[in-house]
Amino acid sequence: MSDQEPQGSVPQRIVSDPESVERGLVALVLTLVELLRQLMERQALRRVDQGDLTDEQVERVGITLMRLEEKMEELREHFGLTPEDLNIDLGPLGTLLPPD
């Protein structure tokens, strides 16, 4: 068998750069965390609008969400990712995360 694969065939071995694999995995994990963060934020806003939370609970939720957003920004910067890098394109469905 030669090192050259015939055109159109599936390669026997996938050549991958460990750094790009790590970056891709980090991007995937951060994408999931960002999706959950945005869902939690929307849920908290709904509960605030409905009056389901005390002033103390509103304050705690607000601080928690701000800290989580700050940590997400810190992690993106550490791994050289932008918010756009975390927004997976779902083809005809659009992007995973809504625009800010």
Protein backbone atom coordinates (compact mmCIF):
# COMPACT_ATOMS: atom_id res chain seq x y z
CA MET A 1 0.00 0.00 0.00
CA SER A 2 1.40 3.42 -0.89
CA ASP A 3 1.44 6.59 1.17
CA GLN A 4 -0.81 8.18 -1.42
CA GLU A 5 -4.49 7.40 -1.03
CA PRO A 6 -6.51 7.08 -4.22
CA GLN A 7 -8.64 10.14 -4.85
CA GLY A 8 -12.06 9.86 -3.23
CA SER A 9 -11.09 7.12 -0.77
CA VAL A 10 -11.20 7.39 3.00
CA PRO A 11 -7.73 7.80 4.53
CA GLN A 12 -6.62 4.92 6.78
CA ARG A 13 -5.09 7.27 9.32
CA ILE A 14 -6.28 10.66 10.48
CA VAL A 15 -3.45 13.10 10.92
CA SER A 16 -4.25 15.54 13.67
CA ASP A 17 -2.35 18.20 15.50
CA PRO A 18 -2.69 17.73 19.30
CA GLU A 19 -3.01 21.49 19.79
CA SER A 20 -5.87 21.80 17.32
CA VAL A 21 -7.60 18.80 18.88
CA GLU A 22 -7.27 20.41 22.33
CA ARG A 23 -8.52 23.76 21.04
CA GLY A 24 -11.48 22.07 19.34
CA LEU A 25 -12.39 20.18 22.50
CA VAL A 26 -12.11 23.34 24.62
CA ALA A 27 -14.29 25.20 22.10
CA LEU A 28 -16.92 22.46 22.28
CA VAL A 29 -16.97 22.43 26.10
CA LEU A 30 -17.10 26.22 26.29
CA THR A 31 -19.90 26.25 23.70
CA LEU A 32 -21.97 23.96 25.91
CA VAL A 33 -21.23 26.05 28.99
CA GLU A 34 -22.14 29.24 27.12
CA LEU A 35 -25.40 27.70 25.91
CA LEU A 36 -26.29 26.70 29.49
CA ARG A 37 -25.29 30.15 30.78
CA GLN A 38 -27.57 31.87 28.29
CA LEU A 39 -30.45 29.52 29.12
CA MET A 40 -29.98 30.14 32.86
CA GLU A 41 -29.89 33.89 32.24
CA ARG A 42 -33.16 33.80 30.27
CA GLN A 43 -34.82 31.67 32.94
CA ALA A 44 -33.66 34.06 35.66
CA LEU A 45 -35.00 37.06 33.73
CA ARG A 46 -38.37 35.33 33.32
CA ARG A 47 -38.52 34.61 37.03
CA VAL A 48 -37.59 38.22 37.87
CA ASP A 49 -40.29 39.51 35.48
CA GLN A 50 -42.85 37.20 37.09
CA GLY A 51 -41.84 38.32 40.58
CA ASP A 52 -40.88 34.79 41.64
CA LEU A 53 -37.61 35.88 43.27
CA THR A 54 -36.88 37.91 46.37
CA ASP A 55 -34.57 40.91 46.09
CA GLU A 56 -31.82 38.85 47.73
CA GLN A 57 -32.28 36.02 45.21
CA VAL A 58 -32.22 38.49 42.31
CA GLU A 59 -28.96 39.92 43.64
CA ARG A 60 -27.37 36.45 44.05
CA VAL A 61 -28.46 35.30 40.59
CA GLY A 62 -27.17 38.50 39.04
CA ILE A 63 -23.77 38.20 40.71
CA THR A 64 -23.51 34.51 39.81
CA LEU A 65 -24.32 35.14 36.15
CA MET A 66 -21.86 38.04 35.97
CA ARG A 67 -19.08 35.90 37.46
CA LEU A 68 -19.84 33.06 35.07
CA GLU A 69 -19.73 35.44 32.11
CA GLU A 70 -16.40 36.86 33.34
CA LYS A 71 -14.95 33.35 33.74
CA MET A 72 -16.13 32.43 30.23
CA GLU A 73 -14.38 35.50 28.84
CA GLU A 74 -11.22 34.61 30.77
CA LEU A 75 -11.24 31.04 29.43
CA ARG A 76 -11.89 32.18 25.84
CA GLU A 77 -8.95 34.57 26.07
CA HIS A 78 -6.72 31.90 27.61
CA PHE A 79 -7.40 29.51 24.73
CA GLY A 80 -7.43 32.20 22.03
CA LEU A 81 -11.11 31.84 21.21
CA THR A 82 -13.67 34.48 20.31
CA PRO A 83 -17.41 34.36 21.05
CA GLU A 84 -17.90 33.61 17.35
CA ASP A 85 -15.70 30.51 17.69
CA LEU A 86 -18.24 29.10 20.13
CA ASN A 87 -21.27 29.70 17.93
CA ILE A 88 -21.65 26.46 15.99
CA ASP A 89 -23.23 26.80 12.55
CA LEU A 90 -26.16 24.38 12.31
CA GLY A 91 -26.60 24.85 8.58
CA PRO A 92 -30.18 25.60 7.56
CA LEU A 93 -31.18 25.96 11.23
CA GLY A 94 -28.80 28.88 11.73
CA THR A 95 -26.36 29.18 14.59
CA LEU A 96 -26.56 27.45 17.95
CA LEU A 97 -26.30 30.61 20.02
CA PRO A 98 -28.50 33.61 19.36
CA PRO A 99 -26.77 36.87 18.49
CA ASP A 100 -26.23 39.18 21.47
